[in-house]
Amino acid sequence: MLLVLAACGNQGEKNNKAETKSYKMDDGKTVDIPKDPKRIAVVAPTYAGGLKKLGANIVAVNQQVDQSKVLKDKFEGVTKNW
């Protein structure tokens, strides 16, 4: 699963730790992502519908969402890449 999350801000390291969550990836690396991301780019279309249903602010999706009759209309106006 590959999910890209992005947020903007210029807070100190101490505040960032409280506002992020750490995830361990399959390769053993740990990444910190915002607990409350403001903008989300979904690389795997499998997760796009679920995140949209949860109210996520999705700003970019994989162009494969257009192949789905269910998802195509839900992502009009959203940047489609990959």
PDB file of N, CA and C in Angstrom:
ATOM      1  N   MET A   1       0.846  -1.172   0.000  1.00  0.00           N
ATOM      2  CA  MET A   1       0.000   0.000   0.000  1.00  0.00           C
ATOM      3  C   MET A   1       0.887   1.227   0.000  1.00  0.00           C
ATOM      4  N   LEU A   2       0.566   2.136  -0.874  1.00  0.00           N
ATOM      5  CA  LEU A   2       1.303   3.384  -0.932  1.00  0.00           C
ATOM      6  C   LEU A   2       0.304   4.515  -0.875  1.00  0.00           C
ATOM      7  N   LEU A   3       0.438   5.327   0.125  1.00  0.00           N
ATOM      8  CA  LEU A   3      -0.474   6.444   0.332  1.00  0.00           C
ATOM      9  C   LEU A   3       0.373   7.660   0.616  1.00  0.00           C
ATOM     10  N   VAL A   4       0.141   8.719  -0.109  1.00  0.00           N
ATOM     11  CA  VAL A   4       0.941   9.914   0.059  1.00  0.00           C
ATOM     12  C   VAL A   4       0.109  10.970   0.769  1.00  0.00           C
ATOM     13  N   LEU A   5       0.660  11.508   1.840  1.00  0.00           N
ATOM     14  CA  LEU A   5      -0.012  12.552   2.601  1.00  0.00           C
ATOM     15  C   LEU A   5       0.901  13.762   2.674  1.00  0.00           C
ATOM     16  N   ALA A   6       0.328  14.946   2.573  1.00  0.00           N
ATOM     17  CA  ALA A   6       1.144  16.155   2.645  1.00  0.00           C
ATOM     18  C   ALA A   6       0.439  17.214   3.484  1.00  0.00           C
ATOM     19  N   ALA A   7       1.230  17.957   4.235  1.00  0.00           N
ATOM     20  CA  ALA A   7       0.681  19.062   5.027  1.00  0.00           C
ATOM     21  C   ALA A   7       1.699  20.187   5.055  1.00  0.00           C
ATOM     22  N   CYS A   8       1.231  21.393   5.257  1.00  0.00           N
ATOM     23  CA  CYS A   8       2.117  22.549   5.287  1.00  0.00           C
ATOM     24  C   CYS A   8       2.185  23.108   6.700  1.00  0.00           C
ATOM     25  N   GLY A   9       3.328  23.678   7.022  1.00  0.00           N
ATOM     26  CA  GLY A   9       3.474  24.310   8.324  1.00  0.00           C
ATOM     27  C   GLY A   9       4.929  24.468   8.676  1.00  0.00           C
ATOM     28  N   ASN A  10       5.202  25.338   9.640  1.00  0.00           N
ATOM     29  CA  ASN A  10       6.567  25.574  10.071  1.00  0.00           C
ATOM     30  C   ASN A  10       6.578  25.610  11.587  1.00  0.00           C
ATOM     31  N   GLN A  11       6.363  24.470  12.216  1.00  0.00           N
ATOM     32  CA  GLN A  11       6.315  24.358  13.666  1.00  0.00           C
ATOM     33  C   GLN A  11       7.633  23.769  14.159  1.00  0.00           C
ATOM     34  N   GLY A  12       7.889  23.930  15.441  1.00  0.00           N
ATOM     35  CA  GLY A  12       9.096  23.373  16.027  1.00  0.00           C
ATOM     36  C   GLY A  12       9.045  21.861  16.107  1.00  0.00           C
ATOM     37  N   GLU A  13      10.209  21.230  16.291  1.00  0.00           N
ATOM     38  CA  GLU A  13      10.306  19.763  16.367  1.00  0.00           C
ATOM     39  C   GLU A  13       9.449  19.200  17.490  1.00  0.00           C
ATOM     40  N   LYS A  14       9.418  19.865  18.635  1.00  0.00           N
ATOM     41  CA  LYS A  14       8.644  19.372  19.771  1.00  0.00           C
ATOM     42  C   LYS A  14       7.154  19.316  19.437  1.00  0.00           C
ATOM     43  N   ASN A  15       6.626  20.373  18.831  1.00  0.00           N
ATOM     44  CA  ASN A  15       5.219  20.399  18.445  1.00  0.00           C
ATOM     45  C   ASN A  15       4.920  19.396  17.345  1.00  0.00           C
ATOM     46  N   ASN A  16       5.848  19.199  16.408  1.00  0.00           N
ATOM     47  CA  ASN A  16       5.629  18.263  15.307  1.00  0.00           C
ATOM     48  C   ASN A  16       5.434  16.843  15.801  1.00  0.00           C
ATOM     49  N   LYS A  17       6.187  16.414  16.798  1.00  0.00           N
ATOM     50  CA  LYS A  17       6.057  15.049  17.314  1.00  0.00           C
ATOM     51  C   LYS A  17       4.664  14.800  17.871  1.00  0.00           C
ATOM     52  N   ALA A  18       4.078  15.808  18.514  1.00  0.00           N
ATOM     53  CA  ALA A  18       2.747  15.656  19.089  1.00  0.00           C
ATOM     54  C   ALA A  18       1.668  15.653  18.013  1.00  0.00           C
ATOM     55  N   GLU A  19       1.967  16.235  16.849  1.00  0.00           N
ATOM     56  CA  GLU A  19       0.982  16.362  15.788  1.00  0.00           C
ATOM     57  C   GLU A  19       1.182  15.351  14.668  1.00  0.00           C
ATOM     58  N   THR A  20       2.118  14.426  14.848  1.00  0.00           N
ATOM     59  CA  THR A  20       2.365  13.415  13.822  1.00  0.00           C
ATOM     60  C   THR A  20       2.202  12.017  14.397  1.00  0.00           C
ATOM     61  N   LYS A  21       2.093  11.069  13.500  1.00  0.00           N
ATOM     62  CA  LYS A  21       2.016   9.661  13.879  1.00  0.00           C
ATOM     63  C   LYS A  21       3.079   8.923  13.083  1.00  0.00           C
ATOM     64  N   SER A  22       3.805   8.040  13.747  1.00  0.00           N
ATOM     65  CA  SER A  22       4.861   7.271  13.094  1.00  0.00           C
ATOM     66  C   SER A  22       4.315   5.949  12.582  1.00  0.00           C
ATOM     67  N   TYR A  23       4.709   5.597  11.371  1.00  0.00           N
ATOM     68  CA  TYR A  23       4.341   4.317  10.765  1.00  0.00           C
ATOM     69  C   TYR A  23       5.600   3.605  10.311  1.00  0.00           C
ATOM     70  N   LYS A  24       5.651   2.312  10.561  1.00  0.00           N
ATOM     71  CA  LYS A  24       6.779   1.507  10.110  1.00  0.00           C
ATOM     72  C   LYS A  24       6.397   0.861   8.784  1.00  0.00           C
ATOM     73  N   MET A  25       7.202   1.101   7.768  1.00  0.00           N
ATOM     74  CA  MET A  25       6.933   0.577   6.438  1.00  0.00           C
ATOM     75  C   MET A  25       7.446  -0.855   6.318  1.00  0.00           C
ATOM     76  N   ASP A  26       7.068  -1.526   5.242  1.00  0.00           N
ATOM     77  CA  ASP A  26       7.479  -2.911   5.021  1.00  0.00           C
ATOM     78  C   ASP A  26       8.993  -3.077   4.969  1.00  0.00           C
ATOM     79  N   ASP A  27       9.698  -2.050   4.508  1.00  0.00           N
ATOM     80  CA  ASP A  27      11.158  -2.141   4.417  1.00  0.00           C
ATOM     81  C   ASP A  27      11.851  -1.798   5.736  1.00  0.00           C
ATOM     82  N   GLY A  28      11.065  -1.551   6.786  1.00  0.00           N
ATOM     83  CA  GLY A  28      11.626  -1.278   8.101  1.00  0.00           C
ATOM     84  C   GLY A  28      11.821   0.198   8.412  1.00  0.00           C
ATOM     85  N   LYS A  29      11.719   1.053   7.406  1.00  0.00           N
ATOM     86  CA  LYS A  29      11.873   2.486   7.629  1.00  0.00           C
ATOM     87  C   LYS A  29      10.635   3.034   8.327  1.00  0.00           C
ATOM     88  N   THR A  30      10.837   4.056   9.137  1.00  0.00           N
ATOM     89  CA  THR A  30       9.734   4.702   9.837  1.00  0.00           C
ATOM     90  C   THR A  30       9.494   6.071   9.220  1.00  0.00           C
ATOM     91  N   VAL A  31       8.239   6.396   8.987  1.00  0.00           N
ATOM     92  CA  VAL A  31       7.881   7.709   8.460  1.00  0.00           C
ATOM     93  C   VAL A  31       6.903   8.371   9.418  1.00  0.00           C
ATOM     94  N   ASP A  32       7.005   9.674   9.542  1.00  0.00           N
ATOM     95  CA  ASP A  32       6.077  10.457  10.355  1.00  0.00           C
ATOM     96  C   ASP A  32       5.139  11.203   9.418  1.00  0.00           C
ATOM     97  N   ILE A  33       3.841  11.065   9.660  1.00  0.00           N
ATOM     98  CA  ILE A  33       2.860  11.790   8.865  1.00  0.00           C
ATOM     99  C   ILE A  33       1.981  12.605   9.807  1.00  0.00           C
ATOM    100  N   PRO A  34       1.384  13.673   9.314  1.00  0.00           N
ATOM    101  CA  PRO A  34       0.502  14.478  10.162  1.00  0.00           C
ATOM    102  C   PRO A  34      -0.698  13.665  10.645  1.00  0.00           C
ATOM    103  N   LYS A  35      -1.090  13.869  11.904  1.00  0.00           N
ATOM    104  CA  LYS A  35      -2.285  13.190  12.421  1.00  0.00           C
ATOM    105  C   LYS A  35      -3.534  13.711  11.732  1.00  0.00           C
ATOM    106  N   ASP A  36      -3.515  14.965  11.318  1.00  0.00           N
ATOM    107  CA  ASP A  36      -4.660  15.577  10.657  1.00  0.00           C
ATOM    108  C   ASP A  36      -4.193  16.221   9.348  1.00  0.00           C
ATOM    109  N   PRO A  37      -3.945  15.399   8.307  1.00  0.00           N
ATOM    110  CA  PRO A  37      -3.437  15.956   7.047  1.00  0.00           C
ATOM    111  C   PRO A  37      -4.460  16.886   6.396  1.00  0.00           C
ATOM    112  N   LYS A  38      -3.975  17.960   5.820  1.00  0.00           N
ATOM    113  CA  LYS A  38      -4.855  18.942   5.179  1.00  0.00           C
ATOM    114  C   LYS A  38      -5.112  18.603   3.715  1.00  0.00           C
ATOM    115  N   ARG A  39      -4.143  17.970   3.047  1.00  0.00           N
ATOM    116  CA  ARG A  39      -4.251  17.622   1.626  1.00  0.00           C
ATOM    117  C   ARG A  39      -3.695  16.220   1.432  1.00  0.00           C
ATOM    118  N   ILE A  40      -4.409  15.387   0.675  1.00  0.00           N
ATOM    119  CA  ILE A  40      -3.994  14.001   0.485  1.00  0.00           C
ATOM    120  C   ILE A  40      -3.938  13.677  -1.001  1.00  0.00           C
ATOM    121  N   ALA A  41      -2.852  13.046  -1.435  1.00  0.00           N
ATOM    122  CA  ALA A  41      -2.724  12.506  -2.790  1.00  0.00           C
ATOM    123  C   ALA A  41      -2.769  10.988  -2.659  1.00  0.00           C
ATOM    124  N   VAL A  42      -3.732  10.360  -3.312  1.00  0.00           N
ATOM    125  CA  VAL A  42      -3.918   8.914  -3.212  1.00  0.00           C
ATOM    126  C   VAL A  42      -3.328   8.261  -4.456  1.00  0.00           C
ATOM    127  N   VAL A  43      -2.269   7.473  -4.279  1.00  0.00           N
ATOM    128  CA  VAL A  43      -1.593   6.829  -5.395  1.00  0.00           C
ATOM    129  C   VAL A  43      -2.319   5.556  -5.811  1.00  0.00           C
ATOM    130  N   ALA A  44      -2.828   4.793  -4.861  1.00  0.00           N
ATOM    131  CA  ALA A  44      -3.527   3.534  -5.152  1.00  0.00           C
ATOM    132  C   ALA A  44      -5.032   3.794  -5.200  1.00  0.00           C
ATOM    133  N   PRO A  45      -5.663   3.643  -6.371  1.00  0.00           N
ATOM    134  CA  PRO A  45      -7.090   3.946  -6.487  1.00  0.00           C
ATOM    135  C   PRO A  45      -7.973   3.085  -5.590  1.00  0.00           C
ATOM    136  N   THR A  46      -7.457   1.969  -5.133  1.00  0.00           N
ATOM    137  CA  THR A  46      -8.211   1.085  -4.243  1.00  0.00           C
ATOM    138  C   THR A  46      -8.659   1.817  -2.985  1.00  0.00           C
ATOM    139  N   TYR A  47      -7.850   2.756  -2.504  1.00  0.00           N
ATOM    140  CA  TYR A  47      -8.134   3.445  -1.251  1.00  0.00           C
ATOM    141  C   TYR A  47      -8.841   4.786  -1.445  1.00  0.00           C
ATOM    142  N   ALA A  48      -8.947   5.248  -2.669  1.00  0.00           N
ATOM    143  CA  ALA A  48      -9.504   6.572  -2.932  1.00  0.00           C
ATOM    144  C   ALA A  48     -10.953   6.696  -2.465  1.00  0.00           C
ATOM    145  N   GLY A  49     -11.779   5.721  -2.775  1.00  0.00           N
ATOM    146  CA  GLY A  49     -13.190   5.780  -2.401  1.00  0.00           C
ATOM    147  C   GLY A  49     -13.395   5.796  -0.900  1.00  0.00           C
ATOM    148  N   GLY A  50     -12.658   4.954  -0.189  1.00  0.00           N
ATOM    149  CA  GLY A  50     -12.783   4.887   1.266  1.00  0.00           C
ATOM    150  C   GLY A  50     -12.356   6.176   1.937  1.00  0.00           C
ATOM    151  N   LEU A  51     -11.243   6.746   1.476  1.00  0.00           N
ATOM    152  CA  LEU A  51     -10.777   8.009   2.050  1.00  0.00           C
ATOM    153  C   LEU A  51     -11.758   9.139   1.748  1.00  0.00           C
ATOM    154  N   LYS A  52     -12.309   9.135   0.548  1.00  0.00           N
ATOM    155  CA  LYS A  52     -13.307  10.151   0.183  1.00  0.00           C
ATOM    156  C   LYS A  52     -14.536  10.034   1.084  1.00  0.00           C
ATOM    157  N   LYS A  53     -14.969   8.800   1.326  1.00  0.00           N
ATOM    158  CA  LYS A  53     -16.134   8.545   2.182  1.00  0.00           C
ATOM    159  C   LYS A  53     -15.887   9.034   3.614  1.00  0.00           C
ATOM    160  N   LEU A  54     -14.632   8.948   4.066  1.00  0.00           N
ATOM    161  CA  LEU A  54     -14.271   9.406   5.408  1.00  0.00           C
ATOM    162  C   LEU A  54     -14.118  10.924   5.491  1.00  0.00           C
ATOM    163  N   GLY A  55     -14.264  11.602   4.356  1.00  0.00           N
ATOM    164  CA  GLY A  55     -14.197  13.060   4.355  1.00  0.00           C
ATOM    165  C   GLY A  55     -12.817  13.639   4.135  1.00  0.00           C
ATOM    166  N   ALA A  56     -11.880  12.834   3.653  1.00  0.00           N
ATOM    167  CA  ALA A  56     -10.519  13.310   3.418  1.00  0.00           C
ATOM    168  C   ALA A  56     -10.503  14.341   2.287  1.00  0.00           C
ATOM    169  N   ASN A  57      -9.635  15.329   2.400  1.00  0.00           N
ATOM    170  CA  ASN A  57      -9.458  16.334   1.354  1.00  0.00           C
ATOM    171  C   ASN A  57      -8.463  15.786   0.335  1.00  0.00           C
ATOM    172  N   ILE A  58      -8.968  15.072  -0.646  1.00  0.00           N
ATOM    173  CA  ILE A  58      -8.122  14.441  -1.661  1.00  0.00           C
ATOM    174  C   ILE A  58      -7.883  15.444  -2.780  1.00  0.00           C
ATOM    175  N   VAL A  59      -6.603  15.763  -3.024  1.00  0.00           N
ATOM    176  CA  VAL A  59      -6.249  16.748  -4.040  1.00  0.00           C
ATOM    177  C   VAL A  59      -5.679  16.118  -5.301  1.00  0.00           C
ATOM    178  N   ALA A  60      -5.298  14.837  -5.239  1.00  0.00           N
ATOM    179  CA  ALA A  60      -4.775  14.141  -6.416  1.00  0.00           C
ATOM    180  C   ALA A  60      -5.026  12.648  -6.269  1.00  0.00           C
ATOM    181  N   VAL A  61      -5.339  12.007  -7.400  1.00  0.00           N
ATOM    182  CA  VAL A  61      -5.575  10.564  -7.421  1.00  0.00           C
ATOM    183  C   VAL A  61      -4.923   9.964  -8.656  1.00  0.00           C
ATOM    184  N   ASN A  62      -4.811   8.654  -8.648  1.00  0.00           N
ATOM    185  CA  ASN A  62      -4.330   7.922  -9.810  1.00  0.00           C
ATOM    186  C   ASN A  62      -5.395   8.005 -10.897  1.00  0.00           C
ATOM    187  N   GLN A  63      -4.985   8.173 -12.138  1.00  0.00           N
ATOM    188  CA  GLN A  63      -5.950   8.307 -13.232  1.00  0.00           C
ATOM    189  C   GLN A  63      -6.788   7.047 -13.447  1.00  0.00           C
ATOM    190  N   GLN A  64      -6.421   5.952 -12.803  1.00  0.00           N
ATOM    191  CA  GLN A  64      -7.199   4.719 -12.920  1.00  0.00           C
ATOM    192  C   GLN A  64      -8.581   4.835 -12.275  1.00  0.00           C
ATOM    193  N   VAL A  65      -8.823   5.845 -11.450  1.00  0.00           N
ATOM    194  CA  VAL A  65     -10.157   5.999 -10.860  1.00  0.00           C
ATOM    195  C   VAL A  65     -11.204   6.220 -11.944  1.00  0.00           C
ATOM    196  N   ASP A  66     -10.791   6.738 -13.095  1.00  0.00           N
ATOM    197  CA  ASP A  66     -11.732   6.963 -14.193  1.00  0.00           C
ATOM    198  C   ASP A  66     -12.235   5.659 -14.808  1.00  0.00           C
ATOM    199  N   GLN A  67     -11.565   4.548 -14.531  1.00  0.00           N
ATOM    200  CA  GLN A  67     -12.002   3.247 -15.047  1.00  0.00           C
ATOM    201  C   GLN A  67     -13.129   2.663 -14.203  1.00  0.00           C
ATOM    202  N   SER A  68     -13.377   3.233 -13.054  1.00  0.00           N
ATOM    203  CA  SER A  68     -14.424   2.750 -12.157  1.00  0.00           C
ATOM    204  C   SER A  68     -15.696   3.579 -12.333  1.00  0.00           C
ATOM    205  N   LYS A  69     -16.802   2.909 -12.609  1.00  0.00           N
ATOM    206  CA  LYS A  69     -18.085   3.605 -12.740  1.00  0.00           C
ATOM    207  C   LYS A  69     -18.473   4.277 -11.427  1.00  0.00           C
ATOM    208  N   VAL A  70     -18.083   3.686 -10.322  1.00  0.00           N
ATOM    209  CA  VAL A  70     -18.421   4.222  -9.000  1.00  0.00           C
ATOM    210  C   VAL A  70     -17.563   5.439  -8.653  1.00  0.00           C
ATOM    211  N   LEU A  71     -16.266   5.374  -8.926  1.00  0.00           N
ATOM    212  CA  LEU A  71     -15.350   6.431  -8.497  1.00  0.00           C
ATOM    213  C   LEU A  71     -15.238   7.601  -9.464  1.00  0.00           C
ATOM    214  N   LYS A  72     -15.463   7.366 -10.743  1.00  0.00           N
ATOM    215  CA  LYS A  72     -15.215   8.394 -11.758  1.00  0.00           C
ATOM    216  C   LYS A  72     -15.890   9.723 -11.420  1.00  0.00           C
ATOM    217  N   ASP A  73     -17.162   9.694 -11.097  1.00  0.00           N
ATOM    218  CA  ASP A  73     -17.899  10.930 -10.809  1.00  0.00           C
ATOM    219  C   ASP A  73     -17.491  11.576  -9.490  1.00  0.00           C
ATOM    220  N   LYS A  74     -16.990  10.798  -8.559  1.00  0.00           N
ATOM    221  CA  LYS A  74     -16.630  11.320  -7.240  1.00  0.00           C
ATOM    222  C   LYS A  74     -15.348  12.152  -7.263  1.00  0.00           C
ATOM    223  N   PHE A  75     -14.550  12.001  -8.332  1.00  0.00           N
ATOM    224  CA  PHE A  75     -13.263  12.690  -8.385  1.00  0.00           C
ATOM    225  C   PHE A  75     -13.159  13.661  -9.557  1.00  0.00           C
ATOM    226  N   GLU A  76     -14.303  14.193 -10.011  1.00  0.00           N
ATOM    227  CA  GLU A  76     -14.267  15.238 -11.032  1.00  0.00           C
ATOM    228  C   GLU A  76     -13.620  16.478 -10.428  1.00  0.00           C
ATOM    229  N   GLY A  77     -12.727  17.096 -11.158  1.00  0.00           N
ATOM    230  CA  GLY A  77     -12.063  18.299 -10.673  1.00  0.00           C
ATOM    231  C   GLY A  77     -10.838  18.038  -9.813  1.00  0.00           C
ATOM    232  N   VAL A  78     -10.543  16.772  -9.522  1.00  0.00           N
ATOM    233  CA  VAL A  78      -9.361  16.409  -8.741  1.00  0.00           C
ATOM    234  C   VAL A  78      -8.228  16.094  -9.717  1.00  0.00           C
ATOM    235  N   THR A  79      -7.017  16.544  -9.415  1.00  0.00           N
ATOM    236  CA  THR A  79      -5.864  16.270 -10.265  1.00  0.00           C
ATOM    237  C   THR A  79      -5.666  14.769 -10.402  1.00  0.00           C
ATOM    238  N   LYS A  80      -5.483  14.302 -11.641  1.00  0.00           N
ATOM    239  CA  LYS A  80      -5.270  12.871 -11.895  1.00  0.00           C
ATOM    240  C   LYS A  80      -3.911  12.686 -12.556  1.00  0.00           C
ATOM    241  N   ASN A  81      -3.047  11.990 -11.870  1.00  0.00           N
ATOM    242  CA  ASN A  81      -1.686  11.726 -12.345  1.00  0.00           C
ATOM    243  C   ASN A  81      -1.399  10.243 -12.310  1.00  0.00           C
ATOM    244  N   TRP A  82      -0.241   9.897 -12.707  1.00  0.00           N
ATOM    245  CA  TRP A  82       0.297   8.539 -12.682  1.00  0.00           C
ATOM    246  C   TRP A  82      -0.410   7.665 -13.662  1.00  0.00           C
TER     247      TRP A  82
END
